[in-house]
C-alpha atoms as a PDB file:
ATOM      1  CA  MET A   1    -101.672 -37.795  96.683  1.00  0.00           C
ATOM      2  CA  THR A   2     -98.989 -36.835  99.226  1.00  0.00           C
ATOM      3  CA  PHE A   3     -99.473 -37.902 102.840  1.00  0.00           C
ATOM      4  CA  ASP A   4     -98.125 -35.808 105.695  1.00  0.00           C
ATOM      5  CA  ALA A   5     -97.749 -37.500 109.076  1.00  0.00           C
ATOM      6  CA  ALA A   6     -98.819 -34.306 110.842  1.00  0.00           C
ATOM      7  CA  GLN A   7    -102.161 -34.407 109.029  1.00  0.00           C
ATOM      8  CA  LEU A   8    -103.050 -37.989 109.892  1.00  0.00           C
ATOM      9  CA  PRO A   9    -105.571 -38.405 112.715  1.00  0.00           C
ATOM     10  CA  LEU A  10    -104.279 -40.538 115.565  1.00  0.00           C
ATOM     11  CA  PHE A  11    -106.213 -42.463 118.183  1.00  0.00           C
ATOM     12  CA  VAL A  12    -104.387 -42.088 121.495  1.00  0.00           C
ATOM     13  CA  ASP A  13    -103.332 -45.030 123.658  1.00  0.00           C
ATOM     14  CA  ASP A  14    -105.201 -44.529 126.934  1.00  0.00           C
ATOM     15  CA  HIS A  15    -103.037 -47.197 128.605  1.00  0.00           C
ATOM     16  CA  ALA A  16     -99.728 -45.406 128.019  1.00  0.00           C
ATOM     17  CA  GLN A  17     -97.771 -44.711 131.182  1.00  0.00           C
ATOM     18  CA  SER A  18     -95.941 -41.701 129.793  1.00  0.00           C
ATOM     19  CA  GLY A  19     -95.568 -39.794 126.578  1.00  0.00           C
ATOM     20  CA  GLY A  20     -92.733 -37.883 125.011  1.00  0.00           C
ATOM     21  CA  GLY A  21     -91.115 -37.864 121.648  1.00  0.00           C
ATOM     22  CA  VAL A  22     -88.588 -40.276 120.265  1.00  0.00           C
ATOM     23  CA  GLY A  23     -85.654 -38.058 121.205  1.00  0.00           C
ATOM     24  CA  ASP A  24     -86.732 -37.527 124.809  1.00  0.00           C
ATOM     25  CA  HIS A  25     -84.921 -40.571 126.193  1.00  0.00           C
ATOM     26  CA  ALA A  26     -81.194 -40.482 126.819  1.00  0.00           C
ATOM     27  CA  SER A  27     -79.077 -43.308 125.455  1.00  0.00           C
ATOM     28  CA  THR A  28     -77.650 -45.760 127.950  1.00  0.00           C
ATOM     29  CA  GLY A  29     -75.140 -47.281 125.522  1.00  0.00           C
ATOM     30  CA  GLU A  30     -71.826 -48.638 126.721  1.00  0.00           C
ATOM     31  CA  ALA A  31     -68.984 -50.683 125.311  1.00  0.00           C
ATOM     32  CA  PHE A  32     -70.345 -54.108 124.424  1.00  0.00           C
ATOM     33  CA  THR A  33     -68.855 -57.255 125.980  1.00  0.00           C
ATOM     34  CA  LEU A  34     -70.206 -60.744 126.493  1.00  0.00           C
ATOM     35  CA  GLU A  35     -70.679 -59.818 130.158  1.00  0.00           C
ATOM     36  CA  THR A  36     -72.685 -56.630 129.481  1.00  0.00           C
ATOM     37  CA  ALA A  37     -74.719 -58.033 126.596  1.00  0.00           C
ATOM     38  CA  ARG A  38     -78.462 -58.002 126.799  1.00  0.00           C
ATOM     39  CA  PRO A  39     -79.660 -61.614 126.647  1.00  0.00           C
ATOM     40  CA  PHE A  40     -80.447 -62.616 123.073  1.00  0.00           C
ATOM     41  CA  THR A  41     -83.319 -65.002 122.380  1.00  0.00           C
ATOM     42  CA  PHE A  42     -83.912 -66.791 119.096  1.00  0.00           C
ATOM     43  CA  LEU A  43     -87.511 -67.883 118.485  1.00  0.00           C
ATOM     44  CA  LEU A  44     -87.677 -70.958 116.303  1.00  0.00           C
ATOM     45  CA  GLY A  45     -90.433 -70.641 113.713  1.00  0.00           C
ATOM     46  CA  LEU A  46     -92.954 -73.489 113.733  1.00  0.00           C
ATOM     47  CA  HIS A  47     -95.570 -74.451 111.145  1.00  0.00           C
ATOM     48  CA  LYS A  48     -97.000 -77.427 113.049  1.00  0.00           C
ATOM     49  CA  ALA A  49     -99.213 -76.609 116.037  1.00  0.00           C
ATOM     50  CA  LYS A  50     -98.816 -80.067 117.563  1.00  0.00           C
ATOM     51  CA  TRP A  51     -95.097 -79.460 118.021  1.00  0.00           C
ATOM     52  CA  LEU A  52     -95.868 -76.933 120.744  1.00  0.00           C
ATOM     53  CA  GLY A  53     -96.514 -79.874 123.050  1.00  0.00           C
ATOM     54  CA  ASP A  54     -93.258 -81.661 122.241  1.00  0.00           C
ATOM     55  CA  GLU A  55     -90.949 -82.024 125.250  1.00  0.00           C
ATOM     56  CA  SER A  56     -87.898 -81.244 123.111  1.00  0.00           C
ATOM     57  CA  LEU A  57     -89.148 -77.630 122.998  1.00  0.00           C
ATOM     58  CA  ALA A  58     -89.332 -77.213 126.779  1.00  0.00           C
ATOM     59  CA  GLU A  59     -86.447 -74.715 126.725  1.00  0.00           C
ATOM     60  CA  VAL A  60     -86.788 -73.514 123.124  1.00  0.00           C
ATOM     61  CA  PRO A  61     -88.780 -70.293 122.569  1.00  0.00           C
ATOM     62  CA  VAL A  62     -90.899 -70.536 119.433  1.00  0.00           C
ATOM     63  CA  LEU A  63     -92.952 -68.337 117.125  1.00  0.00           C
ATOM     64  CA  ILE A  64     -96.075 -69.695 115.473  1.00  0.00           C
ATOM     65  CA  SER A  65     -98.434 -67.978 113.072  1.00  0.00           C
ATOM     66  CA  ARG A  66    -102.061 -67.200 113.771  1.00  0.00           C
ATOM     67  CA  ASN A  67    -102.749 -68.809 110.402  1.00  0.00           C
ATOM     68  CA  THR A  68    -101.511 -72.146 111.761  1.00  0.00           C
ATOM     69  CA  LEU A  69    -103.729 -71.895 114.834  1.00  0.00           C
ATOM     70  CA  ALA A  70    -106.852 -70.140 113.550  1.00  0.00           C
ATOM     71  CA  ARG A  71    -109.037 -73.182 112.813  1.00  0.00           C
ATOM     72  CA  ARG A  72    -107.700 -75.477 115.504  1.00  0.00           C
ATOM     73  CA  ARG A  73    -110.148 -77.042 117.965  1.00  0.00           C
ATOM     74  CA  LYS A  74    -107.836 -79.265 119.999  1.00  0.00           C
ATOM     75  CA  TRP A  75    -104.935 -77.579 121.710  1.00  0.00           C
ATOM     76  CA  PRO A  76    -101.524 -78.913 122.710  1.00  0.00           C
ATOM     77  CA  ARG A  77    -100.039 -77.811 126.008  1.00  0.00           C
ATOM     78  CA  PRO A  78     -97.015 -75.627 125.155  1.00  0.00           C
ATOM     79  CA  GLN A  79     -93.878 -77.023 126.722  1.00  0.00           C
ATOM     80  CA  GLY A  80     -91.886 -73.818 126.370  1.00  0.00           C
ATOM     81  CA  PRO A  81     -92.280 -70.081 125.742  1.00  0.00           C
ATOM     82  CA  TYR A  82     -94.235 -69.147 122.629  1.00  0.00           C
ATOM     83  CA  ALA A  83     -95.182 -66.026 120.704  1.00  0.00           C
ATOM     84  CA  ILE A  84     -97.900 -65.568 118.087  1.00  0.00           C
ATOM     85  CA  ASP A  85     -97.264 -63.963 114.714  1.00  0.00           C
ATOM     86  CA  SER A  86    -100.151 -62.267 112.943  1.00  0.00           C
ATOM     87  CA  GLY A  87     -99.529 -63.836 109.535  1.00  0.00           C
ATOM     88  CA  GLY A  88     -99.627 -60.315 108.151  1.00  0.00           C
ATOM     89  CA  PHE A  89     -97.081 -60.836 105.395  1.00  0.00           C
ATOM     90  CA  THR A  90     -99.145 -63.633 103.850  1.00  0.00           C
ATOM     91  CA  GLU A  91    -102.353 -61.635 104.335  1.00  0.00           C
ATOM     92  CA  LEU A  92    -101.039 -58.598 102.461  1.00  0.00           C
ATOM     93  CA  GLN A  93     -99.218 -60.680  99.870  1.00  0.00           C
ATOM     94  CA  MET A  94    -102.326 -62.636  98.886  1.00  0.00           C
ATOM     95  CA  HIS A  95    -105.096 -60.084  99.455  1.00  0.00           C
ATOM     96  CA  GLY A  96    -103.514 -56.621  99.495  1.00  0.00           C
ATOM     97  CA  ARG A  97    -105.339 -55.785 102.731  1.00  0.00           C
ATOM     98  CA  TRP A  98    -106.312 -57.112 106.125  1.00  0.00           C
ATOM     99  CA  ARG A  99    -109.615 -58.981 105.838  1.00  0.00           C
ATOM    100  CA  LEU A 100    -110.118 -59.117 109.623  1.00  0.00           C
ATOM    101  CA  THR A 101    -111.178 -56.108 111.632  1.00  0.00           C
ATOM    102  CA  ALA A 102    -109.347 -55.379 114.875  1.00  0.00           C
ATOM    103  CA  ALA A 103    -112.320 -56.741 116.840  1.00  0.00           C
ATOM    104  CA  GLN A 104    -112.320 -59.975 114.832  1.00  0.00           C
ATOM    105  CA  TYR A 105    -108.580 -60.347 115.288  1.00  0.00           C
ATOM    106  CA  VAL A 106    -108.939 -59.858 119.049  1.00  0.00           C
ATOM    107  CA  ALA A 107    -111.636 -62.526 119.219  1.00  0.00           C
ATOM    108  CA  GLU A 108    -109.427 -64.955 117.329  1.00  0.00           C
ATOM    109  CA  ILE A 109    -106.368 -64.281 119.480  1.00  0.00           C
ATOM    110  CA  ARG A 110    -108.390 -64.606 122.686  1.00  0.00           C
ATOM    111  CA  ARG A 111    -109.654 -68.005 121.546  1.00  0.00           C
ATOM    112  CA  ILE A 112    -106.121 -69.149 120.703  1.00  0.00           C
ATOM    113  CA  VAL A 113    -104.658 -67.916 123.983  1.00  0.00           C
ATOM    114  CA  ALA A 114    -107.495 -69.537 125.940  1.00  0.00           C
ATOM    115  CA  GLY A 115    -106.722 -72.811 124.192  1.00  0.00           C
ATOM    116  CA  LEU A 116    -102.946 -72.738 124.570  1.00  0.00           C
ATOM    117  CA  GLY A 117    -102.826 -71.012 127.941  1.00  0.00           C
ATOM    118  CA  ARG A 118    -101.422 -67.638 128.934  1.00  0.00           C
ATOM    119  CA  ALA A 119     -98.664 -68.850 131.279  1.00  0.00           C
ATOM    120  CA  LYS A 120     -95.951 -69.232 128.621  1.00  0.00           C
ATOM    121  CA  LEU A 121     -97.114 -66.602 126.132  1.00  0.00           C
ATOM    122  CA  LEU A 122     -94.398 -64.046 125.348  1.00  0.00           C
ATOM    123  CA  TRP A 123     -96.194 -61.626 123.037  1.00  0.00           C
ATOM    124  CA  VAL A 124     -98.657 -61.346 120.162  1.00  0.00           C
ATOM    125  CA  ALA A 125     -97.937 -59.404 116.972  1.00  0.00           C
ATOM    126  CA  PRO A 126    -100.488 -56.802 115.836  1.00  0.00           C
ATOM    127  CA  GLN A 127    -102.030 -56.524 112.379  1.00  0.00           C
ATOM    128  CA  ASP A 128     -99.089 -54.535 111.083  1.00  0.00           C
ATOM    129  CA  TRP A 129     -98.586 -53.457 107.485  1.00  0.00           C
ATOM    130  CA  MET A 130     -95.242 -54.476 105.953  1.00  0.00           C
ATOM    131  CA  CYS A 131     -93.548 -51.795 103.880  1.00  0.00           C
ATOM    132  CA  GLU A 132     -91.497 -53.671 101.280  1.00  0.00           C
ATOM    133  CA  PRO A 133     -92.032 -52.034  97.871  1.00  0.00           C
ATOM    134  CA  ILE A 134     -93.424 -55.252  96.390  1.00  0.00           C
ATOM    135  CA  VAL A 135     -96.003 -55.501  99.189  1.00  0.00           C
ATOM    136  CA  ARG A 136     -97.220 -51.980  98.402  1.00  0.00           C
ATOM    137  CA  ARG A 137     -96.941 -52.023  94.616  1.00  0.00           C
ATOM    138  CA  GLY A 138     -97.513 -55.669  93.823  1.00  0.00           C
ATOM    139  CA  GLY A 139     -95.512 -57.905  91.528  1.00  0.00           C
ATOM    140  CA  VAL A 140     -93.898 -61.314  91.293  1.00  0.00           C
ATOM    141  CA  VAL A 141     -90.869 -62.724  93.085  1.00  0.00           C
ATOM    142  CA  VAL A 142     -89.126 -65.579  91.319  1.00  0.00           C
ATOM    143  CA  PRO A 143     -87.045 -67.524  93.854  1.00  0.00           C
ATOM    144  CA  ARG A 144     -83.995 -69.503  92.863  1.00  0.00           C
ATOM    145  CA  ARG A 145     -85.987 -72.627  93.653  1.00  0.00           C
ATOM    146  CA  GLY A 146     -89.719 -73.156  93.843  1.00  0.00           C
ATOM    147  CA  LYS A 147     -92.702 -71.451  92.291  1.00  0.00           C
ATOM    148  CA  PRO A 148     -93.079 -67.701  91.644  1.00  0.00           C
ATOM    149  CA  ILE A 149     -94.674 -65.752  94.503  1.00  0.00           C
ATOM    150  CA  HIS A 150     -97.353 -63.264  93.457  1.00  0.00           C
ATOM    151  CA  PHE A 151     -98.061 -60.099  95.467  1.00  0.00           C
ATOM    152  CA  LYS A 152    -101.417 -58.419  94.932  1.00  0.00           C
ATOM    153  CA  GLY A 153    -100.184 -55.046  96.203  1.00  0.00           C
ATOM    154  CA  THR A 154    -101.961 -52.709  98.598  1.00  0.00           C
ATOM    155  CA  GLY A 155    -101.733 -49.664  96.353  1.00  0.00           C
ATOM    156  CA  LEU A 156    -101.032 -47.520  99.414  1.00  0.00           C
ATOM    157  CA  PRO A 157     -98.078 -45.229 100.218  1.00  0.00           C
ATOM    158  CA  LEU A 158     -95.553 -46.253 102.855  1.00  0.00           C
ATOM    159  CA  LEU A 159     -96.659 -43.622 105.356  1.00  0.00           C
ATOM    160  CA  LEU A 160    -100.207 -44.952 105.307  1.00  0.00           C
ATOM    161  CA  HIS A 161     -98.876 -48.449 106.022  1.00  0.00           C
ATOM    162  CA  GLN A 162     -97.109 -47.013 109.068  1.00  0.00           C
ATOM    163  CA  TRP A 163    -100.171 -45.110 110.197  1.00  0.00           C
ATOM    164  CA  LYS A 164    -102.365 -48.198 109.903  1.00  0.00           C
ATOM    165  CA  THR A 165     -99.788 -50.196 111.880  1.00  0.00           C
ATOM    166  CA  VAL A 166     -99.764 -47.692 114.751  1.00  0.00           C
ATOM    167  CA  GLN A 167    -103.514 -47.268 114.814  1.00  0.00           C
ATOM    168  CA  ASN A 168    -104.089 -51.000 114.871  1.00  0.00           C
ATOM    169  CA  PHE A 169    -101.773 -51.429 117.855  1.00  0.00           C
ATOM    170  CA  VAL A 170    -103.615 -48.713 119.784  1.00  0.00           C
ATOM    171  CA  GLU A 171    -106.985 -50.244 118.910  1.00  0.00           C
ATOM    172  CA  LEU A 172    -105.907 -53.769 119.873  1.00  0.00           C
ATOM    173  CA  ARG A 173    -104.620 -52.587 123.226  1.00  0.00           C
ATOM    174  CA  ARG A 174    -107.869 -50.718 123.833  1.00  0.00           C
ATOM    175  CA  LEU A 175    -109.992 -53.751 122.959  1.00  0.00           C
ATOM    176  CA  ALA A 176    -107.894 -56.363 124.758  1.00  0.00           C
ATOM    177  CA  PRO A 177    -105.490 -54.833 127.303  1.00  0.00           C
ATOM    178  CA  GLU A 178    -104.926 -58.263 128.875  1.00  0.00           C
ATOM    179  CA  ILE A 179    -103.123 -59.515 125.739  1.00  0.00           C
ATOM    180  CA  PRO A 180     -99.352 -58.760 125.553  1.00  0.00           C
ATOM    181  CA  TRP A 181     -99.425 -56.970 122.199  1.00  0.00           C
ATOM    182  CA  MET A 182     -96.019 -56.063 120.776  1.00  0.00           C
ATOM    183  CA  PRO A 183     -95.736 -52.730 118.930  1.00  0.00           C
ATOM    184  CA  VAL A 184     -93.964 -53.012 115.588  1.00  0.00           C
ATOM    185  CA  LEU A 185     -91.911 -50.378 113.790  1.00  0.00           C
ATOM    186  CA  GLN A 186     -92.447 -50.518 110.046  1.00  0.00           C
ATOM    187  CA  GLY A 187     -90.501 -48.804 107.281  1.00  0.00           C
ATOM    188  CA  TRP A 188     -88.117 -49.404 104.408  1.00  0.00           C
ATOM    189  CA  ASP A 189     -85.327 -46.824 104.585  1.00  0.00           C
ATOM    190  CA  THR A 190     -83.688 -46.094 107.936  1.00  0.00           C
ATOM    191  CA  ASP A 191     -85.440 -42.742 108.395  1.00  0.00           C
ATOM    192  CA  ASP A 192     -88.813 -44.423 107.901  1.00  0.00           C
ATOM    193  CA  TYR A 193     -88.449 -46.356 111.151  1.00  0.00           C
ATOM    194  CA  PHE A 194     -87.779 -43.221 113.165  1.00  0.00           C
ATOM    195  CA  ALA A 195     -90.794 -41.572 111.531  1.00  0.00           C
ATOM    196  CA  CYS A 196     -92.866 -44.588 112.589  1.00  0.00           C
ATOM    197  CA  ALA A 197     -91.548 -44.239 116.144  1.00  0.00           C
ATOM    198  CA  GLU A 198     -92.719 -40.614 116.120  1.00  0.00           C
ATOM    199  CA  LEU A 199     -96.191 -41.749 115.067  1.00  0.00           C
ATOM    200  CA  TYR A 200     -96.264 -44.039 118.110  1.00  0.00           C
ATOM    201  CA  ALA A 201     -95.177 -41.146 120.336  1.00  0.00           C
ATOM    202  CA  ARG A 202     -97.917 -38.917 118.912  1.00  0.00           C
ATOM    203  CA  ALA A 203    -100.439 -41.682 119.627  1.00  0.00           C
ATOM    204  CA  GLY A 204     -99.345 -41.771 123.280  1.00  0.00           C
ATOM    205  CA  VAL A 205     -97.399 -45.036 123.048  1.00  0.00           C
ATOM    206  CA  ASP A 206     -94.126 -44.903 124.972  1.00  0.00           C
ATOM    207  CA  LEU A 207     -91.999 -47.425 123.108  1.00  0.00           C
ATOM    208  CA  PHE A 208     -89.273 -47.093 125.735  1.00  0.00           C
ATOM    209  CA  ALA A 209     -91.622 -48.512 128.344  1.00  0.00           C
ATOM    210  CA  GLU A 210     -92.529 -51.517 126.193  1.00  0.00           C
ATOM    211  CA  PRO A 211     -90.883 -54.846 127.095  1.00  0.00           C
ATOM    212  CA  ILE A 212     -90.205 -55.562 123.410  1.00  0.00           C
ATOM    213  CA  VAL A 213     -90.584 -53.636 120.124  1.00  0.00           C
ATOM    214  CA  GLY A 214     -90.740 -55.408 116.782  1.00  0.00           C
ATOM    215  CA  VAL A 215     -88.871 -54.232 113.697  1.00  0.00           C
ATOM    216  CA  GLY A 216     -90.552 -55.323 110.481  1.00  0.00           C
ATOM    217  CA  SER A 217     -89.733 -55.378 106.763  1.00  0.00           C
ATOM    218  CA  VAL A 218     -86.069 -56.211 107.426  1.00  0.00           C
ATOM    219  CA  CYS A 219     -85.914 -59.839 106.275  1.00  0.00           C
ATOM    220  CA  ARG A 220     -84.796 -58.968 102.718  1.00  0.00           C
ATOM    221  CA  LYS A 221     -82.168 -56.497 103.969  1.00  0.00           C
ATOM    222  CA  GLN A 222     -80.817 -58.488 106.904  1.00  0.00           C
ATOM    223  CA  ASN A 223     -77.325 -59.168 105.576  1.00  0.00           C
ATOM    224  CA  THR A 224     -76.584 -55.480 104.993  1.00  0.00           C
ATOM    225  CA  LEU A 225     -74.730 -52.789 106.872  1.00  0.00           C
ATOM    226  CA  GLU A 226     -77.853 -50.611 106.593  1.00  0.00           C
ATOM    227  CA  ALA A 227     -79.918 -53.075 108.625  1.00  0.00           C
ATOM    228  CA  ALA A 228     -77.171 -53.548 111.209  1.00  0.00           C
ATOM    229  CA  ARG A 229     -76.863 -49.789 111.671  1.00  0.00           C
ATOM    230  CA  LEU A 230     -80.622 -49.425 112.004  1.00  0.00           C
ATOM    231  CA  PHE A 231     -80.734 -51.986 114.813  1.00  0.00           C
ATOM    232  CA  GLU A 232     -77.738 -50.354 116.462  1.00  0.00           C
ATOM    233  CA  GLN A 233     -79.329 -46.882 116.423  1.00  0.00           C
ATOM    234  CA  LEU A 234     -82.627 -48.151 117.805  1.00  0.00           C
ATOM    235  CA  TYR A 235     -80.748 -50.131 120.466  1.00  0.00           C
ATOM    236  CA  TYR A 236     -78.826 -47.069 121.639  1.00  0.00           C
ATOM    237  CA  MET A 237     -82.090 -45.148 121.866  1.00  0.00           C
ATOM    238  CA  GLY A 238     -83.019 -47.627 124.592  1.00  0.00           C
ATOM    239  CA  LEU A 239     -85.429 -49.959 122.769  1.00  0.00           C
ATOM    240  CA  ARG A 240     -85.519 -53.728 123.283  1.00  0.00           C
ATOM    241  CA  LEU A 241     -85.829 -55.042 119.752  1.00  0.00           C
ATOM    242  CA  HIS A 242     -87.259 -58.096 118.058  1.00  0.00           C
ATOM    243  CA  ALA A 243     -86.271 -58.470 114.389  1.00  0.00           C
ATOM    244  CA  PHE A 244     -88.765 -60.400 112.280  1.00  0.00           C
ATOM    245  CA  GLY A 245     -87.379 -63.114 109.999  1.00  0.00           C
ATOM    246  CA  LEU A 246     -83.725 -62.633 110.911  1.00  0.00           C
ATOM    247  CA  LYS A 247     -81.642 -65.757 110.426  1.00  0.00           C
ATOM    248  CA  MET A 248     -77.901 -66.442 110.301  1.00  0.00           C
ATOM    249  CA  ASP A 249     -76.968 -63.790 107.730  1.00  0.00           C
ATOM    250  CA  GLY A 250     -78.553 -61.039 109.800  1.00  0.00           C
ATOM    251  CA  ILE A 251     -77.975 -62.297 113.336  1.00  0.00           C
ATOM    252  CA  GLY A 252     -74.211 -62.400 112.882  1.00  0.00           C
ATOM    253  CA  ARG A 253     -74.233 -58.649 112.206  1.00  0.00           C
ATOM    254  CA  ALA A 254     -76.940 -57.545 114.622  1.00  0.00           C
ATOM    255  CA  VAL A 255     -76.903 -59.845 117.656  1.00  0.00           C
ATOM    256  CA  THR A 256     -75.350 -57.125 119.828  1.00  0.00           C
ATOM    257  CA  SER A 257     -78.310 -54.825 119.211  1.00  0.00           C
ATOM    258  CA  LEU A 258     -81.225 -57.262 119.448  1.00  0.00           C
ATOM    259  CA  ALA A 259     -83.178 -58.793 122.285  1.00  0.00           C
ATOM    260  CA  SER A 260     -84.603 -61.451 119.957  1.00  0.00           C
ATOM    261  CA  SER A 261     -85.329 -62.551 116.421  1.00  0.00           C
ATOM    262  CA  ASP A 262     -87.144 -65.421 114.713  1.00  0.00           C
ATOM    263  CA  SER A 263     -87.012 -67.488 111.559  1.00  0.00           C
ATOM    264  CA  LEU A 264     -88.809 -70.361 109.860  1.00  0.00           C
ATOM    265  CA  ALA A 265     -86.113 -70.567 107.184  1.00  0.00           C
ATOM    266  CA  TRP A 266     -85.049 -74.025 108.369  1.00  0.00           C
ATOM    267  CA  SER A 267     -87.987 -75.577 106.501  1.00  0.00           C
ATOM    268  CA  LEU A 268     -86.995 -74.122 103.127  1.00  0.00           C
ATOM    269  CA  HIS A 269     -83.383 -74.951 103.915  1.00  0.00           C
ATOM    270  CA  ALA A 270     -84.361 -78.597 104.467  1.00  0.00           C
ATOM    271  CA  ALA A 271     -86.689 -78.798 101.469  1.00  0.00           C
ATOM    272  CA  HIS A 272     -83.796 -78.550  99.020  1.00  0.00           C
ATOM    273  CA  ARG A 273     -81.467 -80.946 100.811  1.00  0.00           C
ATOM    274  CA  PRO A 274     -81.401 -84.701 101.442  1.00  0.00           C
ATOM    275  CA  PRO A 275     -83.051 -85.805 104.704  1.00  0.00           C
ATOM    276  CA  LEU A 276     -80.994 -86.428 107.806  1.00  0.00           C
ATOM    277  CA  PRO A 277     -79.327 -89.852 107.871  1.00  0.00           C
ATOM    278  CA  GLY A 278     -81.969 -92.497 108.483  1.00  0.00           C
ATOM    279  CA  HIS A 279     -84.897 -90.098 108.127  1.00  0.00           C
ATOM    280  CA  GLN A 280     -85.912 -91.575 104.799  1.00  0.00           C
ATOM    281  CA  LEU A 281     -86.961 -94.601 106.857  1.00  0.00           C
ATOM    282  CA  PRO A 282     -89.792 -94.906 109.439  1.00  0.00           C
ATOM    283  CA  GLY A 283     -88.896 -93.763 112.931  1.00  0.00           C
ATOM    284  CA  PRO A 284     -90.062 -91.552 115.822  1.00  0.00           C
ATOM    285  CA  GLY A 285     -92.311 -88.845 114.403  1.00  0.00           C
ATOM    286  CA  ARG A 286     -92.068 -90.200 110.858  1.00  0.00           C
ATOM    287  CA  PRO A 287     -94.279 -93.281 110.359  1.00  0.00           C
ATOM    288  CA  LYS A 288     -93.323 -93.547 106.676  1.00  0.00           C
ATOM    289  CA  GLY A 289     -90.037 -91.692 106.606  1.00  0.00           C
ATOM    290  CA  HIS A 290     -89.694 -88.587 104.442  1.00  0.00           C
ATOM    291  CA  LYS A 291     -88.004 -87.385 101.270  1.00  0.00           C
ATOM    292  CA  SER A 292     -86.863 -84.156 102.929  1.00  0.00           C
ATOM    293  CA  CYS A 293     -86.831 -82.764 106.459  1.00  0.00           C
ATOM    294  CA  ALA A 294     -88.961 -79.721 105.624  1.00  0.00           C
ATOM    295  CA  ASN A 295     -91.504 -80.896 108.210  1.00  0.00           C
ATOM    296  CA  CYS A 296     -89.062 -82.420 110.687  1.00  0.00           C
ATOM    297  CA  LEU A 297     -88.702 -81.055 114.215  1.00  0.00           C
ATOM    298  CA  GLU A 298     -85.348 -82.760 114.732  1.00  0.00           C
ATOM    299  CA  TYR A 299     -83.970 -80.964 111.683  1.00  0.00           C
ATOM    300  CA  ALA A 300     -85.401 -77.647 112.940  1.00  0.00           C
ATOM    301  CA  LEU A 301     -83.673 -78.032 116.302  1.00  0.00           C
ATOM    302  CA  ARG A 302     -80.342 -78.944 114.690  1.00  0.00           C
ATOM    303  CA  TRP A 303     -80.622 -75.951 112.363  1.00  0.00           C
ATOM    304  CA  ARG A 304     -81.328 -73.694 115.355  1.00  0.00           C
ATOM    305  CA  SER A 305     -78.306 -74.974 117.256  1.00  0.00           C
ATOM    306  CA  GLU A 306     -76.025 -74.434 114.270  1.00  0.00           C
ATOM    307  CA  LEU A 307     -77.416 -70.936 113.703  1.00  0.00           C
ATOM    308  CA  LEU A 308     -76.796 -69.858 117.296  1.00  0.00           C
ATOM    309  CA  TYR A 309     -73.340 -71.420 117.354  1.00  0.00           C
ATOM    310  CA  ASP A 310     -72.316 -69.675 114.121  1.00  0.00           C
ATOM    311  CA  ALA A 311     -73.786 -66.345 115.247  1.00  0.00           C
ATOM    312  CA  PHE A 312     -72.019 -66.278 118.576  1.00  0.00           C
ATOM    313  CA  THR A 313     -68.779 -67.549 117.054  1.00  0.00           C
ATOM    314  CA  ALA A 314     -68.906 -64.538 114.726  1.00  0.00           C
ATOM    315  CA  LEU A 315     -69.659 -62.286 117.696  1.00  0.00           C
ATOM    316  CA  HIS A 316     -66.737 -63.661 119.671  1.00  0.00           C
ATOM    317  CA  HIS A 317     -64.428 -63.073 116.704  1.00  0.00           C
ATOM    318  CA  LEU A 318     -65.640 -59.484 116.447  1.00  0.00           C
ATOM    319  CA  LEU A 319     -65.068 -58.815 120.134  1.00  0.00           C
ATOM    320  CA  VAL A 320     -61.557 -60.230 119.921  1.00  0.00           C
ATOM    321  CA  THR A 321     -60.605 -58.233 116.826  1.00  0.00           C
ATOM    322  CA  ASP A 322     -62.488 -55.017 117.637  1.00  0.00           C
ATOM    323  CA  PRO A 323     -63.734 -54.952 121.268  1.00  0.00           C
ATOM    324  CA  TRP A 324     -64.922 -51.338 121.003  1.00  0.00           C
ATOM    325  CA  ALA A 325     -66.911 -51.861 117.820  1.00  0.00           C
ATOM    326  CA  PHE A 326     -70.120 -51.230 119.712  1.00  0.00           C
ATOM    327  CA  ASP A 327     -68.962 -48.383 121.906  1.00  0.00           C
ATOM    328  CA  GLU A 328     -71.530 -45.590 121.733  1.00  0.00           C
ATOM    329  CA  ALA A 329     -68.789 -43.090 121.023  1.00  0.00           C
ATOM    330  CA  ALA A 330     -67.502 -45.039 118.028  1.00  0.00           C
END
C-alpha cells in the first residue's frame, strides 16, 4: 500500500499561535562566529535517577528516560536542568509499537514531573516513532562488542511513522498543555524531515514558534556530511534544534547548527575500558569499587568535559581555517 501525506487525516493543534507552511518563514542566517553563535547545550544522558540529586550536576543539564523513572516512588530533588526522554527507541525496538496510549503516557509524565518538580524541567519528548529502516523492518544488529540487539519491527512505512509522531504531539499537547512537550522531526533521508515539517504545519503546529524542535533518527548517521547539511538547512530555516543521541563524532560537524544534543554513550565507552585510577577500590559513591566505570558519575562528567572540549576545539579550528563556512550565501 502507498501512503500519501495529503490523504492522511490530521488532528489540528488548537494551541498553535500561528500557522503557515514550512517555507513561509524567511531565513535569518548570517556568517557564524563564536560571538554570534546560538548557545549550545549538551545534555548528559543519565541512567540512574538518584544522580539527579547529586550536587555535581547543579550546572550540568541532563536527559533521563521515562523508563528509568516510571516505577519510582521516592524522588530526588534535581540539582540542575533536566529533560525527559520517552524511551521510544527501546519501546519500538522491543515491541514494534507503543504499548501506552497518549492518555496513559500523559498520566505517567504528570506523576514524574510532580515528583521531580517542574522548576528545572526543560522539555519532555513525545511518543515519537523512529524511522531507521531496522526499526521499521526488524532485524538484528551485531555490535563490535556485546550481545546482538534484536528489533521486532513495526511493519509500517516511514510516512506512517511520521504521521503517528505528529498526531501524538498534537494529542499530548491537547491532553496536557501545561507540560513542555517538544515536537520531534522524524525521517531517514533529508527530504523526509522537510516532509515531516509539512505534516506539522498542516496540523497547525508552528515549529518556528517552538522553543526547541527535536531531530530524531540521526544517531547512526551523525558523523556524515548528510547529517551536518540537514542540521544546517533546518537551522537556516529558523528552527532551534535538539539532535537526539549526538556525541563527539556528530557534534564536531554540527555544533554551529544546533541548540542542543544529548548522549548516554559514556556508559558504553566506559564499559569496555579499565576503571578510572583508584575506582577499582572502595570510595565515594562506590562502596565496593567497580570493574568498569559504566555506572560511574565521575566518569560521565569527565567524558562530558572531554567531549565539549574536543567539539569546540574542532569548531575553533574550522573558524580559523574557513570563517565563512557557515555563511548563508556559501
